[in-house]
Amino acid sequence: MSEYIVAALLPFGLQLLFNRVLFTKYLPLAITVVILIFGFDGLNQPLPLQIVAVISTIIGFLLGLKIYNKQKRKVR
């Protein structure tokens, strides 16, 4: 059960962190996917765990876009 909680929160948190720090749209997504695949051996995890991680990554990406757009408006 704890691996599902980590699979739900880690990609979400990484997306928001990298988006806030890097000020780009797609680089945080790429970094998060690379960390999940190679750092946590994502391709060898059970399918339900992968699905939870993908959904969490998508939600984090969408919220990260909101942060990016707010930051872009503040700079101008």
N, C-alpha and C. Protein backbone atom coordinates (compact mmCIF):
# COMPACT_ATOMS: atom_id res chain seq x y z
N MET A 1 0.81 -1.19 0.00
CA MET A 1 0.00 0.00 0.00
C MET A 1 0.85 1.26 0.00
N SER A 2 1.97 1.23 0.69
CA SER A 2 2.82 2.42 0.75
C SER A 2 3.43 2.75 -0.61
N GLU A 3 3.67 1.71 -1.44
CA GLU A 3 4.24 2.00 -2.76
C GLU A 3 3.25 2.75 -3.65
N TYR A 4 1.96 2.54 -3.43
CA TYR A 4 0.95 3.28 -4.19
C TYR A 4 0.90 4.74 -3.76
N ILE A 5 1.10 4.97 -2.48
CA ILE A 5 1.12 6.35 -1.98
C ILE A 5 2.34 7.08 -2.54
N VAL A 6 3.48 6.41 -2.54
CA VAL A 6 4.68 7.01 -3.11
C VAL A 6 4.51 7.23 -4.60
N ALA A 7 3.91 6.26 -5.30
CA ALA A 7 3.69 6.39 -6.74
C ALA A 7 2.72 7.52 -7.06
N ALA A 8 1.84 7.86 -6.14
CA ALA A 8 0.89 8.94 -6.38
C ALA A 8 1.49 10.30 -6.03
N LEU A 9 2.31 10.38 -5.01
CA LEU A 9 2.81 11.67 -4.55
C LEU A 9 4.15 12.09 -5.16
N LEU A 10 5.03 11.13 -5.43
CA LEU A 10 6.36 11.47 -5.92
C LEU A 10 6.35 12.16 -7.28
N PRO A 11 5.70 11.61 -8.30
CA PRO A 11 5.71 12.31 -9.60
C PRO A 11 5.04 13.69 -9.53
N PHE A 12 3.97 13.77 -8.76
CA PHE A 12 3.26 15.04 -8.57
C PHE A 12 4.19 16.08 -7.95
N GLY A 13 4.87 15.68 -6.90
CA GLY A 13 5.79 16.59 -6.22
C GLY A 13 6.98 16.98 -7.08
N LEU A 14 7.53 16.02 -7.81
CA LEU A 14 8.66 16.32 -8.68
C LEU A 14 8.27 17.29 -9.79
N GLN A 15 7.11 17.08 -10.37
CA GLN A 15 6.63 17.97 -11.43
C GLN A 15 6.52 19.40 -10.92
N LEU A 16 5.89 19.57 -9.77
CA LEU A 16 5.71 20.91 -9.23
C LEU A 16 7.03 21.55 -8.82
N LEU A 17 7.90 20.77 -8.24
CA LEU A 17 9.21 21.28 -7.83
C LEU A 17 10.02 21.74 -9.02
N PHE A 18 10.17 20.88 -10.02
CA PHE A 18 10.98 21.23 -11.17
C PHE A 18 10.36 22.36 -11.98
N ASN A 19 9.04 22.40 -12.06
CA ASN A 19 8.39 23.48 -12.79
C ASN A 19 8.61 24.81 -12.10
N ARG A 20 8.57 24.81 -10.80
CA ARG A 20 8.77 26.03 -10.04
C ARG A 20 10.21 26.54 -10.14
N VAL A 21 11.16 25.62 -10.24
CA VAL A 21 12.57 25.99 -10.24
C VAL A 21 13.08 26.31 -11.65
N LEU A 22 12.66 25.53 -12.66
CA LEU A 22 13.24 25.64 -14.00
C LEU A 22 12.54 26.64 -14.92
N PHE A 23 11.32 27.04 -14.62
CA PHE A 23 10.57 28.02 -15.42
C PHE A 23 10.41 27.60 -16.88
N THR A 24 10.20 26.32 -17.13
CA THR A 24 9.94 25.83 -18.48
C THR A 24 8.69 24.96 -18.46
N LYS A 25 8.19 24.63 -19.67
CA LYS A 25 6.98 23.82 -19.75
C LYS A 25 7.28 22.32 -19.72
N TYR A 26 8.15 21.87 -20.60
CA TYR A 26 8.28 20.44 -20.84
C TYR A 26 9.52 19.80 -20.21
N LEU A 27 10.50 20.56 -19.82
CA LEU A 27 11.69 19.99 -19.19
C LEU A 27 11.38 19.30 -17.87
N PRO A 28 10.51 19.86 -17.01
CA PRO A 28 10.16 19.13 -15.78
C PRO A 28 9.50 17.79 -16.05
N LEU A 29 8.70 17.70 -17.10
CA LEU A 29 8.07 16.43 -17.47
C LEU A 29 9.13 15.41 -17.86
N ALA A 30 10.08 15.84 -18.68
CA ALA A 30 11.15 14.93 -19.12
C ALA A 30 12.00 14.47 -17.94
N ILE A 31 12.36 15.38 -17.06
CA ILE A 31 13.18 15.01 -15.90
C ILE A 31 12.43 14.04 -14.99
N THR A 32 11.16 14.30 -14.76
CA THR A 32 10.35 13.43 -13.91
C THR A 32 10.24 12.03 -14.49
N VAL A 33 10.01 11.94 -15.79
CA VAL A 33 9.89 10.63 -16.43
C VAL A 33 11.21 9.87 -16.37
N VAL A 34 12.32 10.56 -16.59
CA VAL A 34 13.63 9.90 -16.52
C VAL A 34 13.90 9.41 -15.10
N ILE A 35 13.58 10.21 -14.10
CA ILE A 35 13.79 9.79 -12.71
C ILE A 35 12.93 8.58 -12.38
N LEU A 36 11.67 8.59 -12.83
CA LEU A 36 10.78 7.47 -12.53
C LEU A 36 11.20 6.20 -13.24
N ILE A 37 11.66 6.31 -14.47
CA ILE A 37 12.03 5.10 -15.22
C ILE A 37 13.35 4.53 -14.73
N PHE A 38 14.36 5.39 -14.64
CA PHE A 38 15.69 4.86 -14.32
C PHE A 38 15.98 4.84 -12.82
N GLY A 39 15.52 5.83 -12.09
CA GLY A 39 15.81 5.91 -10.66
C GLY A 39 15.00 4.92 -9.84
N PHE A 40 13.75 4.71 -10.21
CA PHE A 40 12.88 3.84 -9.44
C PHE A 40 12.49 2.59 -10.20
N ASP A 41 13.19 2.30 -11.30
CA ASP A 41 12.96 1.08 -12.09
C ASP A 41 11.49 0.96 -12.47
N GLY A 42 10.97 2.02 -13.06
CA GLY A 42 9.55 2.12 -13.34
C GLY A 42 9.01 1.12 -14.34
N LEU A 43 9.84 0.67 -15.26
CA LEU A 43 9.36 -0.27 -16.28
C LEU A 43 9.16 -1.67 -15.73
N ASN A 44 9.76 -1.98 -14.61
CA ASN A 44 9.63 -3.32 -14.02
C ASN A 44 8.65 -3.35 -12.85
N GLN A 45 7.93 -2.27 -12.63
CA GLN A 45 6.93 -2.23 -11.56
C GLN A 45 5.62 -2.82 -12.07
N PRO A 46 4.74 -3.25 -11.17
CA PRO A 46 3.43 -3.78 -11.59
C PRO A 46 2.62 -2.72 -12.35
N LEU A 47 1.76 -3.19 -13.24
CA LEU A 47 0.99 -2.28 -14.09
C LEU A 47 0.10 -1.31 -13.30
N PRO A 48 -0.61 -1.74 -12.25
CA PRO A 48 -1.41 -0.75 -11.51
C PRO A 48 -0.57 0.37 -10.90
N LEU A 49 0.64 0.04 -10.47
CA LEU A 49 1.54 1.04 -9.91
C LEU A 49 1.99 2.01 -11.00
N GLN A 50 2.25 1.52 -12.19
CA GLN A 50 2.62 2.38 -13.30
C GLN A 50 1.48 3.30 -13.69
N ILE A 51 0.27 2.79 -13.67
CA ILE A 51 -0.89 3.61 -14.02
C ILE A 51 -1.08 4.74 -13.01
N VAL A 52 -0.92 4.44 -11.73
CA VAL A 52 -1.03 5.48 -10.69
C VAL A 52 0.05 6.54 -10.90
N ALA A 53 1.25 6.13 -11.23
CA ALA A 53 2.35 7.08 -11.45
C ALA A 53 2.09 7.94 -12.69
N VAL A 54 1.55 7.36 -13.74
CA VAL A 54 1.26 8.13 -14.96
C VAL A 54 0.16 9.15 -14.70
N ILE A 55 -0.88 8.76 -14.01
CA ILE A 55 -1.96 9.69 -13.69
C ILE A 55 -1.44 10.83 -12.81
N SER A 56 -0.62 10.50 -11.84
CA SER A 56 -0.04 11.52 -10.98
C SER A 56 0.87 12.46 -11.76
N THR A 57 1.61 11.93 -12.71
CA THR A 57 2.48 12.76 -13.54
C THR A 57 1.66 13.71 -14.40
N ILE A 58 0.56 13.23 -14.96
CA ILE A 58 -0.30 14.08 -15.79
C ILE A 58 -0.92 15.20 -14.96
N ILE A 59 -1.40 14.88 -13.77
CA ILE A 59 -1.98 15.90 -12.90
C ILE A 59 -0.92 16.93 -12.50
N GLY A 60 0.28 16.45 -12.18
CA GLY A 60 1.37 17.36 -11.84
C GLY A 60 1.75 18.25 -13.01
N PHE A 61 1.72 17.68 -14.23
CA PHE A 61 2.04 18.47 -15.41
C PHE A 61 1.01 19.57 -15.63
N LEU A 62 -0.27 19.23 -15.47
CA LEU A 62 -1.32 20.23 -15.67
C LEU A 62 -1.24 21.34 -14.63
N LEU A 63 -0.99 20.99 -13.38
CA LEU A 63 -0.82 22.02 -12.35
C LEU A 63 0.47 22.82 -12.56
N GLY A 64 1.49 22.15 -13.07
CA GLY A 64 2.73 22.85 -13.39
C GLY A 64 2.55 23.86 -14.50
N LEU A 65 1.69 23.56 -15.47
CA LEU A 65 1.39 24.54 -16.52
C LEU A 65 0.71 25.78 -15.95
N LYS A 66 -0.15 25.57 -14.96
CA LYS A 66 -0.79 26.72 -14.31
C LYS A 66 0.26 27.59 -13.62
N ILE A 67 1.21 26.95 -12.94
CA ILE A 67 2.29 27.70 -12.28
C ILE A 67 3.13 28.43 -13.32
N TYR A 68 3.44 27.77 -14.43
CA TYR A 68 4.24 28.38 -15.49
C TYR A 68 3.54 29.61 -16.06
N ASN A 69 2.25 29.50 -16.32
CA ASN A 69 1.51 30.64 -16.87
C ASN A 69 1.44 31.80 -15.88
N LYS A 70 1.30 31.52 -14.59
CA LYS A 70 1.30 32.59 -13.59
C LYS A 70 2.67 33.27 -13.53
N GLN A 71 3.74 32.48 -13.61
CA GLN A 71 5.08 33.06 -13.56
C GLN A 71 5.35 33.88 -14.81
N LYS A 72 4.86 33.42 -15.94
CA LYS A 72 5.08 34.14 -17.20
C LYS A 72 4.39 35.50 -17.17
N ARG A 73 3.20 35.57 -16.58
CA ARG A 73 2.49 36.84 -16.48
C ARG A 73 3.20 37.80 -15.53
N LYS A 74 3.80 37.29 -14.46
CA LYS A 74 4.47 38.16 -13.50
C LYS A 74 5.75 38.77 -14.08
N VAL A 75 6.41 38.05 -14.99
CA VAL A 75 7.67 38.55 -15.56
C VAL A 75 7.39 39.71 -16.49
N ARG A 76 6.30 39.68 -17.22
CA ARG A 76 6.02 40.76 -18.19
C ARG A 76 5.57 41.98 -17.54
